[in-house]
Amino acid sequence: MQSTPEQSGIRMAKQKTKFTVANKFEVFQSFEDGALATSEVKDYISAFTGPVVFLVAEENEQFYDGQIVTIPKGKSAMQIGTYSYESKAGVHTVPIIAFE
């Protein structure tokens, strides 16, 4: 994952951990190397009310606003770090998720 000016708040974790909160995500802001997305809590149907995450784009993958992203078969969502960004509501830090 490359760091762009928009993503300067990236901190990589020393150890990856499995992200088990959700298995679907809805993109609300895309970047060259990934996207910010809300997560769908597993206990609800189509309720994207879970935590916000930063999804890492794989090679040649591009995300777009409103896209629903599901964990690919045979892969797991892994938290590989954190991403900090600023919005009108202040500074937020969210998990960086890669599908591995």
PDB file of N, CA and C in Angstrom:
ATOM      1  N   MET A   1       0.843  -1.178   0.000  1.00  0.00           N
ATOM      2  CA  MET A   1       0.000   0.000   0.000  1.00  0.00           C
ATOM      3  C   MET A   1       0.882   1.233   0.000  1.00  0.00           C
ATOM      4  N   GLN A   2       0.655   2.112  -0.944  1.00  0.00           N
ATOM      5  CA  GLN A   2       1.420   3.348  -1.019  1.00  0.00           C
ATOM      6  C   GLN A   2       0.732   4.405  -0.165  1.00  0.00           C
ATOM      7  N   SER A   3       1.501   5.354   0.319  1.00  0.00           N
ATOM      8  CA  SER A   3       0.937   6.432   1.111  1.00  0.00           C
ATOM      9  C   SER A   3       0.802   7.668   0.232  1.00  0.00           C
ATOM     10  N   THR A   4      -0.418   8.166   0.082  1.00  0.00           N
ATOM     11  CA  THR A   4      -0.668   9.388  -0.671  1.00  0.00           C
ATOM     12  C   THR A   4      -0.899  10.507   0.328  1.00  0.00           C
ATOM     13  N   PRO A   5      -0.887  11.770  -0.112  1.00  0.00           N
ATOM     14  CA  PRO A   5      -1.110  12.871   0.827  1.00  0.00           C
ATOM     15  C   PRO A   5      -2.401  12.719   1.630  1.00  0.00           C
ATOM     16  N   GLU A   6      -3.466  12.163   1.000  1.00  0.00           N
ATOM     17  CA  GLU A   6      -4.727  11.991   1.715  1.00  0.00           C
ATOM     18  C   GLU A   6      -4.593  10.934   2.810  1.00  0.00           C
ATOM     19  N   GLN A   7      -3.618  10.050   2.689  1.00  0.00           N
ATOM     20  CA  GLN A   7      -3.492   8.928   3.599  1.00  0.00           C
ATOM     21  C   GLN A   7      -2.277   9.044   4.517  1.00  0.00           C
ATOM     22  N   SER A   8      -1.832  10.242   4.783  1.00  0.00           N
ATOM     23  CA  SER A   8      -0.630  10.420   5.589  1.00  0.00           C
ATOM     24  C   SER A   8      -0.806   9.947   7.026  1.00  0.00           C
ATOM     25  N   GLY A   9      -2.035   9.659   7.452  1.00  0.00           N
ATOM     26  CA  GLY A   9      -2.290   9.214   8.816  1.00  0.00           C
ATOM     27  C   GLY A   9      -2.213   7.715   8.975  1.00  0.00           C
ATOM     28  N   ILE A  10      -1.509   7.021   8.100  1.00  0.00           N
ATOM     29  CA  ILE A  10      -1.418   5.562   8.155  1.00  0.00           C
ATOM     30  C   ILE A  10      -0.375   5.125   9.179  1.00  0.00           C
ATOM     31  N   ARG A  11      -0.768   4.175  10.041  1.00  0.00           N
ATOM     32  CA  ARG A  11       0.161   3.528  10.966  1.00  0.00           C
ATOM     33  C   ARG A  11      -0.029   2.031  10.810  1.00  0.00           C
ATOM     34  N   MET A  12       1.016   1.339  10.399  1.00  0.00           N
ATOM     35  CA  MET A  12       0.935  -0.104  10.193  1.00  0.00           C
ATOM     36  C   MET A  12       1.106  -0.817  11.537  1.00  0.00           C
ATOM     37  N   ALA A  13       0.370  -1.888  11.723  1.00  0.00           N
ATOM     38  CA  ALA A  13       0.440  -2.670  12.957  1.00  0.00           C
ATOM     39  C   ALA A  13       1.652  -3.593  12.932  1.00  0.00           C
ATOM     40  N   LYS A  14       2.179  -3.901  14.100  1.00  0.00           N
ATOM     41  CA  LYS A  14       3.281  -4.853  14.194  1.00  0.00           C
ATOM     42  C   LYS A  14       2.773  -6.265  13.942  1.00  0.00           C
ATOM     43  N   GLN A  15       1.501  -6.503  14.273  1.00  0.00           N
ATOM     44  CA  GLN A  15       0.920  -7.822  14.092  1.00  0.00           C
ATOM     45  C   GLN A  15      -0.491  -7.667  13.529  1.00  0.00           C
ATOM     46  N   LYS A  16      -0.837  -8.431  12.517  1.00  0.00           N
ATOM     47  CA  LYS A  16      -2.179  -8.416  11.927  1.00  0.00           C
ATOM     48  C   LYS A  16      -3.141  -9.148  12.860  1.00  0.00           C
ATOM     49  N   THR A  17      -4.389  -8.679  12.879  1.00  0.00           N
ATOM     50  CA  THR A  17      -5.427  -9.364  13.642  1.00  0.00           C
ATOM     51  C   THR A  17      -6.653  -9.524  12.760  1.00  0.00           C
ATOM     52  N   LYS A  18      -7.381 -10.605  12.975  1.00  0.00           N
ATOM     53  CA  LYS A  18      -8.582 -10.851  12.189  1.00  0.00           C
ATOM     54  C   LYS A  18      -9.670  -9.861  12.592  1.00  0.00           C
ATOM     55  N   PHE A  19     -10.323  -9.251  11.604  1.00  0.00           N
ATOM     56  CA  PHE A  19     -11.408  -8.301  11.831  1.00  0.00           C
ATOM     57  C   PHE A  19     -12.713  -9.077  11.714  1.00  0.00           C
ATOM     58  N   THR A  20     -13.370  -9.313  12.837  1.00  0.00           N
ATOM     59  CA  THR A  20     -14.548 -10.177  12.853  1.00  0.00           C
ATOM     60  C   THR A  20     -15.856  -9.416  13.038  1.00  0.00           C
ATOM     61  N   VAL A  21     -15.802  -8.111  13.091  1.00  0.00           N
ATOM     62  CA  VAL A  21     -16.993  -7.313  13.351  1.00  0.00           C
ATOM     63  C   VAL A  21     -17.985  -7.377  12.195  1.00  0.00           C
ATOM     64  N   ALA A  22     -17.490  -7.416  10.962  1.00  0.00           N
ATOM     65  CA  ALA A  22     -18.368  -7.328   9.799  1.00  0.00           C
ATOM     66  C   ALA A  22     -17.813  -8.138   8.638  1.00  0.00           C
ATOM     67  N   ASN A  23     -18.702  -8.452   7.676  1.00  0.00           N
ATOM     68  CA  ASN A  23     -18.248  -9.127   6.464  1.00  0.00           C
ATOM     69  C   ASN A  23     -18.677  -8.403   5.195  1.00  0.00           C
ATOM     70  N   LYS A  24     -19.363  -7.267   5.356  1.00  0.00           N
ATOM     71  CA  LYS A  24     -19.736  -6.411   4.226  1.00  0.00           C
ATOM     72  C   LYS A  24     -19.442  -4.964   4.596  1.00  0.00           C
ATOM     73  N   PHE A  25     -19.129  -4.173   3.574  1.00  0.00           N
ATOM     74  CA  PHE A  25     -18.756  -2.780   3.784  1.00  0.00           C
ATOM     75  C   PHE A  25     -19.383  -1.923   2.682  1.00  0.00           C
ATOM     76  N   GLU A  26     -19.789  -0.690   3.027  1.00  0.00           N
ATOM     77  CA  GLU A  26     -20.315   0.243   2.030  1.00  0.00           C
ATOM     78  C   GLU A  26     -19.366   1.441   1.934  1.00  0.00           C
ATOM     79  N   VAL A  27     -18.798   1.634   0.757  1.00  0.00           N
ATOM     80  CA  VAL A  27     -17.834   2.709   0.513  1.00  0.00           C
ATOM     81  C   VAL A  27     -18.541   4.056   0.529  1.00  0.00           C
ATOM     82  N   PHE A  28     -17.948   5.035   1.232  1.00  0.00           N
ATOM     83  CA  PHE A  28     -18.478   6.392   1.185  1.00  0.00           C
ATOM     84  C   PHE A  28     -17.443   7.411   0.718  1.00  0.00           C
ATOM     85  N   GLN A  29     -16.178   7.031   0.645  1.00  0.00           N
ATOM     86  CA  GLN A  29     -15.159   7.918   0.090  1.00  0.00           C
ATOM     87  C   GLN A  29     -14.012   7.056  -0.434  1.00  0.00           C
ATOM     88  N   SER A  30     -13.661   7.254  -1.707  1.00  0.00           N
ATOM     89  CA  SER A  30     -12.606   6.422  -2.300  1.00  0.00           C
ATOM     90  C   SER A  30     -11.330   7.229  -2.520  1.00  0.00           C
ATOM     91  N   PHE A  31     -10.213   6.516  -2.498  1.00  0.00           N
ATOM     92  CA  PHE A  31      -8.886   7.060  -2.734  1.00  0.00           C
ATOM     93  C   PHE A  31      -8.194   6.174  -3.764  1.00  0.00           C
ATOM     94  N   GLU A  32      -7.018   6.555  -4.187  1.00  0.00           N
ATOM     95  CA  GLU A  32      -6.262   5.771  -5.160  1.00  0.00           C
ATOM     96  C   GLU A  32      -5.937   4.371  -4.636  1.00  0.00           C
ATOM     97  N   ASP A  33      -5.588   4.254  -3.367  1.00  0.00           N
ATOM     98  CA  ASP A  33      -5.153   2.982  -2.795  1.00  0.00           C
ATOM     99  C   ASP A  33      -6.174   2.307  -1.890  1.00  0.00           C
ATOM    100  N   GLY A  34      -7.382   2.835  -1.809  1.00  0.00           N
ATOM    101  CA  GLY A  34      -8.361   2.240  -0.922  1.00  0.00           C
ATOM    102  C   GLY A  34      -9.591   3.105  -0.777  1.00  0.00           C
ATOM    103  N   ALA A  35     -10.345   2.856   0.300  1.00  0.00           N
ATOM    104  CA  ALA A  35     -11.587   3.595   0.505  1.00  0.00           C
ATOM    105  C   ALA A  35     -11.992   3.576   1.968  1.00  0.00           C
ATOM    106  N   LEU A  36     -12.682   4.627   2.382  1.00  0.00           N
ATOM    107  CA  LEU A  36     -13.341   4.644   3.679  1.00  0.00           C
ATOM    108  C   LEU A  36     -14.709   4.026   3.492  1.00  0.00           C
ATOM    109  N   ALA A  37     -15.096   3.159   4.414  1.00  0.00           N
ATOM    110  CA  ALA A  37     -16.376   2.477   4.291  1.00  0.00           C
ATOM    111  C   ALA A  37     -16.981   2.248   5.667  1.00  0.00           C
ATOM    112  N   THR A  38     -18.309   2.202   5.703  1.00  0.00           N
ATOM    113  CA  THR A  38     -18.987   1.790   6.918  1.00  0.00           C
ATOM    114  C   THR A  38     -19.131   0.281   6.849  1.00  0.00           C
ATOM    115  N   SER A  39     -19.161  -0.361   7.987  1.00  0.00           N
ATOM    116  CA  SER A  39     -19.245  -1.821   8.002  1.00  0.00           C
ATOM    117  C   SER A  39     -20.638  -2.273   8.401  1.00  0.00           C
ATOM    118  N   GLU A  40     -21.019  -3.417   7.857  1.00  0.00           N
ATOM    119  CA  GLU A  40     -22.315  -4.000   8.181  1.00  0.00           C
ATOM    120  C   GLU A  40     -22.110  -4.966   9.339  1.00  0.00           C
ATOM    121  N   VAL A  41     -22.735  -4.678  10.441  1.00  0.00           N
ATOM    122  CA  VAL A  41     -22.623  -5.540  11.607  1.00  0.00           C
ATOM    123  C   VAL A  41     -23.298  -6.873  11.282  1.00  0.00           C
ATOM    124  N   LYS A  42     -22.632  -7.981  11.588  1.00  0.00           N
ATOM    125  CA  LYS A  42     -23.117  -9.315  11.216  1.00  0.00           C
ATOM    126  C   LYS A  42     -24.499  -9.644  11.766  1.00  0.00           C
ATOM    127  N   ASP A  43     -24.892  -9.056  12.872  1.00  0.00           N
ATOM    128  CA  ASP A  43     -26.173  -9.393  13.500  1.00  0.00           C
ATOM    129  C   ASP A  43     -27.362  -8.666  12.874  1.00  0.00           C
ATOM    130  N   TYR A  44     -27.128  -7.794  11.904  1.00  0.00           N
ATOM    131  CA  TYR A  44     -28.206  -7.027  11.283  1.00  0.00           C
ATOM    132  C   TYR A  44     -28.206  -7.280   9.784  1.00  0.00           C
ATOM    133  N   ILE A  45     -29.354  -7.160   9.179  1.00  0.00           N
ATOM    134  CA  ILE A  45     -29.463  -7.313   7.725  1.00  0.00           C
ATOM    135  C   ILE A  45     -29.426  -5.919   7.105  1.00  0.00           C
ATOM    136  N   SER A  46     -28.463  -5.694   6.237  1.00  0.00           N
ATOM    137  CA  SER A  46     -28.308  -4.417   5.528  1.00  0.00           C
ATOM    138  C   SER A  46     -28.301  -3.214   6.463  1.00  0.00           C
ATOM    139  N   ALA A  47     -27.653  -3.335   7.587  1.00  0.00           N
ATOM    140  CA  ALA A  47     -27.564  -2.223   8.534  1.00  0.00           C
ATOM    141  C   ALA A  47     -26.106  -1.813   8.643  1.00  0.00           C
ATOM    142  N   PHE A  48     -25.698  -0.870   7.815  1.00  0.00           N
ATOM    143  CA  PHE A  48     -24.309  -0.412   7.822  1.00  0.00           C
ATOM    144  C   PHE A  48     -24.132   0.604   8.944  1.00  0.00           C
ATOM    145  N   THR A  49     -24.168   0.076  10.152  1.00  0.00           N
ATOM    146  CA  THR A  49     -24.080   0.934  11.328  1.00  0.00           C
ATOM    147  C   THR A  49     -22.839   0.633  12.153  1.00  0.00           C
ATOM    148  N   GLY A  50     -22.026  -0.298  11.662  1.00  0.00           N
ATOM    149  CA  GLY A  50     -20.819  -0.675  12.386  1.00  0.00           C
ATOM    150  C   GLY A  50     -19.735   0.367  12.218  1.00  0.00           C
ATOM    151  N   PRO A  51     -18.550   0.045  12.695  1.00  0.00           N
ATOM    152  CA  PRO A  51     -17.448   0.999  12.645  1.00  0.00           C
ATOM    153  C   PRO A  51     -17.016   1.331  11.219  1.00  0.00           C
ATOM    154  N   VAL A  52     -16.470   2.520  11.074  1.00  0.00           N
ATOM    155  CA  VAL A  52     -15.877   2.938   9.798  1.00  0.00           C
ATOM    156  C   VAL A  52     -14.521   2.262   9.687  1.00  0.00           C
ATOM    157  N   VAL A  53     -14.161   1.843   8.470  1.00  0.00           N
ATOM    158  CA  VAL A  53     -12.871   1.194   8.220  1.00  0.00           C
ATOM    159  C   VAL A  53     -12.246   1.791   6.962  1.00  0.00           C
ATOM    160  N   PHE A  54     -10.942   1.589   6.813  1.00  0.00           N
ATOM    161  CA  PHE A  54     -10.249   1.928   5.571  1.00  0.00           C
ATOM    162  C   PHE A  54      -9.940   0.611   4.869  1.00  0.00           C
ATOM    163  N   LEU A  55     -10.517   0.392   3.689  1.00  0.00           N
ATOM    164  CA  LEU A  55     -10.289  -0.823   2.913  1.00  0.00           C
ATOM    165  C   LEU A  55      -9.112  -0.625   1.975  1.00  0.00           C
ATOM    166  N   VAL A  56      -8.176  -1.551   1.976  1.00  0.00           N
ATOM    167  CA  VAL A  56      -7.011  -1.485   1.099  1.00  0.00           C
ATOM    168  C   VAL A  56      -7.400  -2.057  -0.261  1.00  0.00           C
ATOM    169  N   ALA A  57      -7.117  -1.313  -1.320  1.00  0.00           N
ATOM    170  CA  ALA A  57      -7.370  -1.786  -2.680  1.00  0.00           C
ATOM    171  C   ALA A  57      -6.260  -2.742  -3.103  1.00  0.00           C
ATOM    172  N   GLU A  58      -6.657  -3.865  -3.685  1.00  0.00           N
ATOM    173  CA  GLU A  58      -5.675  -4.785  -4.239  1.00  0.00           C
ATOM    174  C   GLU A  58      -5.221  -4.249  -5.594  1.00  0.00           C
ATOM    175  N   GLU A  59      -4.209  -4.880  -6.178  1.00  0.00           N
ATOM    176  CA  GLU A  59      -3.662  -4.447  -7.461  1.00  0.00           C
ATOM    177  C   GLU A  59      -4.764  -4.210  -8.482  1.00  0.00           C
ATOM    178  N   ASN A  60      -4.754  -3.065  -9.127  1.00  0.00           N
ATOM    179  CA  ASN A  60      -5.707  -2.683 -10.184  1.00  0.00           C
ATOM    180  C   ASN A  60      -7.154  -2.591  -9.710  1.00  0.00           C
ATOM    181  N   GLU A  61      -7.405  -2.643  -8.434  1.00  0.00           N
ATOM    182  CA  GLU A  61      -8.766  -2.527  -7.907  1.00  0.00           C
ATOM    183  C   GLU A  61      -9.070  -1.068  -7.624  1.00  0.00           C
ATOM    184  N   GLN A  62     -10.282  -0.659  -7.949  1.00  0.00           N
ATOM    185  CA  GLN A  62     -10.727   0.694  -7.656  1.00  0.00           C
ATOM    186  C   GLN A  62     -12.072   0.626  -6.961  1.00  0.00           C
ATOM    187  N   PHE A  63     -12.249   1.468  -5.962  1.00  0.00           N
ATOM    188  CA  PHE A  63     -13.513   1.538  -5.249  1.00  0.00           C
ATOM    189  C   PHE A  63     -14.271   2.775  -5.708  1.00  0.00           C
ATOM    190  N   TYR A  64     -15.592   2.788  -5.486  1.00  0.00           N
ATOM    191  CA  TYR A  64     -16.417   3.945  -5.816  1.00  0.00           C
ATOM    192  C   TYR A  64     -17.458   4.139  -4.719  1.00  0.00           C
ATOM    193  N   ASP A  65     -17.925   5.366  -4.576  1.00  0.00           N
ATOM    194  CA  ASP A  65     -18.899   5.697  -3.538  1.00  0.00           C
ATOM    195  C   ASP A  65     -20.164   4.858  -3.707  1.00  0.00           C
ATOM    196  N   GLY A  66     -20.655   4.336  -2.595  1.00  0.00           N
ATOM    197  CA  GLY A  66     -21.868   3.534  -2.604  1.00  0.00           C
ATOM    198  C   GLY A  66     -21.641   2.057  -2.903  1.00  0.00           C
ATOM    199  N   GLN A  67     -20.426   1.683  -3.267  1.00  0.00           N
ATOM    200  CA  GLN A  67     -20.116   0.293  -3.580  1.00  0.00           C
ATOM    201  C   GLN A  67     -20.243  -0.579  -2.332  1.00  0.00           C
ATOM    202  N   ILE A  68     -20.834  -1.759  -2.490  1.00  0.00           N
ATOM    203  CA  ILE A  68     -20.910  -2.736  -1.414  1.00  0.00           C
ATOM    204  C   ILE A  68     -19.776  -3.734  -1.645  1.00  0.00           C
ATOM    205  N   VAL A  69     -18.910  -3.877  -0.657  1.00  0.00           N
ATOM    206  CA  VAL A  69     -17.745  -4.757  -0.758  1.00  0.00           C
ATOM    207  C   VAL A  69     -17.938  -5.896   0.233  1.00  0.00           C
ATOM    208  N   THR A  70     -17.818  -7.124  -0.257  1.00  0.00           N
ATOM    209  CA  THR A  70     -17.929  -8.320   0.567  1.00  0.00           C
ATOM    210  C   THR A  70     -16.564  -8.995   0.621  1.00  0.00           C
ATOM    211  N   ILE A  71     -16.251  -9.610   1.738  1.00  0.00           N
ATOM    212  CA  ILE A  71     -14.985 -10.332   1.866  1.00  0.00           C
ATOM    213  C   ILE A  71     -14.962 -11.445   0.818  1.00  0.00           C
ATOM    214  N   PRO A  72     -13.941 -11.486  -0.036  1.00  0.00           N
ATOM    215  CA  PRO A  72     -13.870 -12.529  -1.068  1.00  0.00           C
ATOM    216  C   PRO A  72     -13.802 -13.931  -0.461  1.00  0.00           C
ATOM    217  N   LYS A  73     -14.392 -14.892  -1.159  1.00  0.00           N
ATOM    218  CA  LYS A  73     -14.359 -16.286  -0.690  1.00  0.00           C
ATOM    219  C   LYS A  73     -12.919 -16.751  -0.544  1.00  0.00           C
ATOM    220  N   GLY A  74     -12.655 -17.462   0.530  1.00  0.00           N
ATOM    221  CA  GLY A  74     -11.322 -17.982   0.782  1.00  0.00           C
ATOM    222  C   GLY A  74     -10.385 -16.990   1.443  1.00  0.00           C
ATOM    223  N   LYS A  75     -10.864 -15.766   1.696  1.00  0.00           N
ATOM    224  CA  LYS A  75     -10.035 -14.750   2.347  1.00  0.00           C
ATOM    225  C   LYS A  75     -10.692 -14.309   3.641  1.00  0.00           C
ATOM    226  N   SER A  76      -9.921 -13.644   4.469  1.00  0.00           N
ATOM    227  CA  SER A  76     -10.408 -13.069   5.721  1.00  0.00           C
ATOM    228  C   SER A  76     -10.117 -11.582   5.725  1.00  0.00           C
ATOM    229  N   ALA A  77     -10.903 -10.839   6.487  1.00  0.00           N
ATOM    230  CA  ALA A  77     -10.627  -9.417   6.699  1.00  0.00           C
ATOM    231  C   ALA A  77      -9.607  -9.331   7.825  1.00  0.00           C
ATOM    232  N   MET A  78      -8.466  -8.720   7.532  1.00  0.00           N
ATOM    233  CA  MET A  78      -7.400  -8.594   8.517  1.00  0.00           C
ATOM    234  C   MET A  78      -7.139  -7.115   8.803  1.00  0.00           C
ATOM    235  N   GLN A  79      -7.070  -6.761  10.079  1.00  0.00           N
ATOM    236  CA  GLN A  79      -6.691  -5.401  10.451  1.00  0.00           C
ATOM    237  C   GLN A  79      -5.179  -5.337  10.425  1.00  0.00           C
ATOM    238  N   ILE A  80      -4.654  -4.458   9.559  1.00  0.00           N
ATOM    239  CA  ILE A  80      -3.201  -4.371   9.382  1.00  0.00           C
ATOM    240  C   ILE A  80      -2.623  -3.062   9.897  1.00  0.00           C
ATOM    241  N   GLY A  81      -3.480  -2.211  10.455  1.00  0.00           N
ATOM    242  CA  GLY A  81      -3.008  -0.931  10.976  1.00  0.00           C
ATOM    243  C   GLY A  81      -4.175  -0.013  11.253  1.00  0.00           C
ATOM    244  N   THR A  82      -3.874   1.288  11.390  1.00  0.00           N
ATOM    245  CA  THR A  82      -4.916   2.294  11.588  1.00  0.00           C
ATOM    246  C   THR A  82      -4.682   3.461  10.640  1.00  0.00           C
ATOM    247  N   TYR A  83      -5.761   4.157  10.334  1.00  0.00           N
ATOM    248  CA  TYR A  83      -5.721   5.316   9.450  1.00  0.00           C
ATOM    249  C   TYR A  83      -6.430   6.463  10.154  1.00  0.00           C
ATOM    250  N   SER A  84      -5.777   7.615  10.250  1.00  0.00           N
ATOM    251  CA  SER A  84      -6.377   8.801  10.862  1.00  0.00           C
ATOM    252  C   SER A  84      -6.699   9.802   9.769  1.00  0.00           C
ATOM    253  N   TYR A  85      -7.897  10.368   9.869  1.00  0.00           N
ATOM    254  CA  TYR A  85      -8.313  11.383   8.899  1.00  0.00           C
ATOM    255  C   TYR A  85      -9.127  12.444   9.612  1.00  0.00           C
ATOM    256  N   GLU A  86      -9.240  13.596   8.971  1.00  0.00           N
ATOM    257  CA  GLU A  86      -9.979  14.703   9.558  1.00  0.00           C
ATOM    258  C   GLU A  86     -11.231  14.961   8.750  1.00  0.00           C
ATOM    259  N   SER A  87     -12.341  15.160   9.461  1.00  0.00           N
ATOM    260  CA  SER A  87     -13.604  15.517   8.825  1.00  0.00           C
ATOM    261  C   SER A  87     -14.139  16.760   9.528  1.00  0.00           C
ATOM    262  N   LYS A  88     -15.309  17.206   9.127  1.00  0.00           N
ATOM    263  CA  LYS A  88     -15.916  18.363   9.771  1.00  0.00           C
ATOM    264  C   LYS A  88     -16.165  18.113  11.253  1.00  0.00           C
ATOM    265  N   ALA A  89     -16.333  16.834  11.617  1.00  0.00           N
ATOM    266  CA  ALA A  89     -16.606  16.469  13.010  1.00  0.00           C
ATOM    267  C   ALA A  89     -15.341  16.274  13.836  1.00  0.00           C
ATOM    268  N   GLY A  90     -14.167  16.427  13.213  1.00  0.00           N
ATOM    269  CA  GLY A  90     -12.922  16.272  13.952  1.00  0.00           C
ATOM    270  C   GLY A  90     -12.040  15.178  13.381  1.00  0.00           C
ATOM    271  N   VAL A  91     -11.043  14.766  14.161  1.00  0.00           N
ATOM    272  CA  VAL A  91     -10.102  13.733  13.724  1.00  0.00           C
ATOM    273  C   VAL A  91     -10.643  12.365  14.122  1.00  0.00           C
ATOM    274  N   HIS A  92     -10.564  11.411  13.197  1.00  0.00           N
ATOM    275  CA  HIS A  92     -11.034  10.044  13.431  1.00  0.00           C
ATOM    276  C   HIS A  92      -9.899   9.077  13.138  1.00  0.00           C
ATOM    277  N   THR A  93      -9.813   8.001  13.894  1.00  0.00           N
ATOM    278  CA  THR A  93      -8.847   6.935  13.628  1.00  0.00           C
ATOM    279  C   THR A  93      -9.640   5.645  13.464  1.00  0.00           C
ATOM    280  N   VAL A  94      -9.422   4.971  12.326  1.00  0.00           N
ATOM    281  CA  VAL A  94     -10.184   3.770  11.990  1.00  0.00           C
ATOM    282  C   VAL A  94      -9.228   2.637  11.621  1.00  0.00           C
ATOM    283  N   PRO A  95      -9.703   1.380  11.718  1.00  0.00           N
ATOM    284  CA  PRO A  95      -8.839   0.260  11.338  1.00  0.00           C
ATOM    285  C   PRO A  95      -8.630   0.200   9.835  1.00  0.00           C
ATOM    286  N   ILE A  96      -7.433  -0.202   9.428  1.00  0.00           N
ATOM    287  CA  ILE A  96      -7.143  -0.483   8.017  1.00  0.00           C
ATOM    288  C   ILE A  96      -7.381  -1.973   7.822  1.00  0.00           C
ATOM    289  N   ILE A  97      -8.214  -2.298   6.830  1.00  0.00           N
ATOM    290  CA  ILE A  97      -8.597  -3.682   6.569  1.00  0.00           C
ATOM    291  C   ILE A  97      -8.080  -4.112   5.200  1.00  0.00           C
ATOM    292  N   ALA A  98      -7.404  -5.273   5.178  1.00  0.00           N
ATOM    293  CA  ALA A  98      -6.964  -5.894   3.928  1.00  0.00           C
ATOM    294  C   ALA A  98      -7.573  -7.286   3.874  1.00  0.00           C
ATOM    295  N   PHE A  99      -7.910  -7.734   2.682  1.00  0.00           N
ATOM    296  CA  PHE A  99      -8.451  -9.082   2.520  1.00  0.00           C
ATOM    297  C   PHE A  99      -7.317 -10.015   2.189  1.00  0.00           C
ATOM    298  N   GLU A 100      -7.063 -10.973   3.059  1.00  0.00           N
ATOM    299  CA  GLU A 100      -5.939 -11.912   2.876  1.00  0.00           C
ATOM    300  C   GLU A 100      -6.413 -13.335   3.064  1.00  0.00           C
TER     301      GLU A 100
END
